[in-house]
Amino acid sequence: LYIDYRGLNKIIIKNRYPLLLISETLDRMSGAQIFIKLNLKDAYYCIRIKRDDE
């Protein structure tokens, strides 16, 4: 089975969120007073899915 996605890739909107360098991140956080830790592993299992979409 082969699907050519080149045509689709030309028309989709590309969202680019490049990761910052560690040094840039530390510079931005240098004056921060509050830090938050998110546990995304547990949040993954909390996403609701319709029965028909499973």
C-alpha atoms as a PDB file:
ATOM      1  CA  LEU A   1       0.000   0.000   0.000  1.00  0.00           C
ATOM      2  CA  TYR A   2       1.445   3.360  -1.024  1.00  0.00           C
ATOM      3  CA  ILE A   3       0.033   6.846  -0.437  1.00  0.00           C
ATOM      4  CA  ASP A   4       1.668   9.949  -1.887  1.00  0.00           C
ATOM      5  CA  TYR A   5       1.175  12.826   0.584  1.00  0.00           C
ATOM      6  CA  ARG A   6       3.222  15.426  -1.313  1.00  0.00           C
ATOM      7  CA  GLY A   7       0.099  17.228  -2.610  1.00  0.00           C
ATOM      8  CA  LEU A   8      -1.429  17.320   0.857  1.00  0.00           C
ATOM      9  CA  ASN A   9       1.830  18.524   2.400  1.00  0.00           C
ATOM     10  CA  LYS A  10       1.844  21.532   0.047  1.00  0.00           C
ATOM     11  CA  ILE A  11      -1.556  22.833   1.231  1.00  0.00           C
ATOM     12  CA  ILE A  12      -1.540  22.120   4.980  1.00  0.00           C
ATOM     13  CA  ILE A  13      -0.703  24.812   7.512  1.00  0.00           C
ATOM     14  CA  LYS A  14       2.600  24.037   9.135  1.00  0.00           C
ATOM     15  CA  ASN A  15       2.848  24.802  12.843  1.00  0.00           C
ATOM     16  CA  ARG A  16       6.457  25.146  13.887  1.00  0.00           C
ATOM     17  CA  TYR A  17       7.378  25.436  17.530  1.00  0.00           C
ATOM     18  CA  PRO A  18      11.144  24.988  17.683  1.00  0.00           C
ATOM     19  CA  LEU A  19      12.622  24.163  21.073  1.00  0.00           C
ATOM     20  CA  LEU A  20      14.731  26.836  22.686  1.00  0.00           C
ATOM     21  CA  LEU A  21      18.307  26.221  23.658  1.00  0.00           C
ATOM     22  CA  ILE A  22      18.772  25.331  27.327  1.00  0.00           C
ATOM     23  CA  SER A  23      20.734  28.555  27.873  1.00  0.00           C
ATOM     24  CA  GLU A  24      17.859  30.626  26.430  1.00  0.00           C
ATOM     25  CA  THR A  25      15.337  28.823  28.617  1.00  0.00           C
ATOM     26  CA  LEU A  26      17.413  29.404  31.748  1.00  0.00           C
ATOM     27  CA  ASP A  27      17.794  33.079  30.858  1.00  0.00           C
ATOM     28  CA  ARG A  28      14.020  33.460  30.525  1.00  0.00           C
ATOM     29  CA  MET A  29      13.409  31.670  33.828  1.00  0.00           C
ATOM     30  CA  SER A  30      16.056  33.584  35.790  1.00  0.00           C
ATOM     31  CA  GLY A  31      13.564  36.074  37.247  1.00  0.00           C
ATOM     32  CA  ALA A  32      10.700  33.599  37.710  1.00  0.00           C
ATOM     33  CA  GLN A  33       9.061  33.298  41.125  1.00  0.00           C
ATOM     34  CA  ILE A  34       6.708  30.390  40.426  1.00  0.00           C
ATOM     35  CA  PHE A  35       7.476  27.070  38.765  1.00  0.00           C
ATOM     36  CA  ILE A  36       4.963  24.415  37.719  1.00  0.00           C
ATOM     37  CA  LYS A  37       5.500  20.739  37.017  1.00  0.00           C
ATOM     38  CA  LEU A  38       3.033  19.018  34.690  1.00  0.00           C
ATOM     39  CA  ASN A  39       2.693  15.264  34.584  1.00  0.00           C
ATOM     40  CA  LEU A  40       1.594  14.695  30.994  1.00  0.00           C
ATOM     41  CA  LYS A  41       1.814  10.928  31.268  1.00  0.00           C
ATOM     42  CA  ASP A  42      -1.229  10.809  33.557  1.00  0.00           C
ATOM     43  CA  ALA A  43      -3.063  13.503  31.567  1.00  0.00           C
ATOM     44  CA  TYR A  44      -2.854  11.329  28.421  1.00  0.00           C
ATOM     45  CA  TYR A  45      -5.247   8.801  29.927  1.00  0.00           C
ATOM     46  CA  CYS A  46      -7.767  11.505  30.919  1.00  0.00           C
ATOM     47  CA  ILE A  47      -8.628  12.523  27.351  1.00  0.00           C
ATOM     48  CA  ARG A  48     -12.242  11.666  26.590  1.00  0.00           C
ATOM     49  CA  ILE A  49     -12.956   9.771  23.395  1.00  0.00           C
ATOM     50  CA  LYS A  50     -16.408   9.042  21.988  1.00  0.00           C
ATOM     51  CA  ARG A  51     -17.280   5.368  21.925  1.00  0.00           C
ATOM     52  CA  ASP A  52     -17.584   5.322  18.130  1.00  0.00           C
ATOM     53  CA  ASP A  53     -14.183   7.016  17.698  1.00  0.00           C
ATOM     54  CA  GLU A  54     -12.192   4.428  19.658  1.00  0.00           C
END
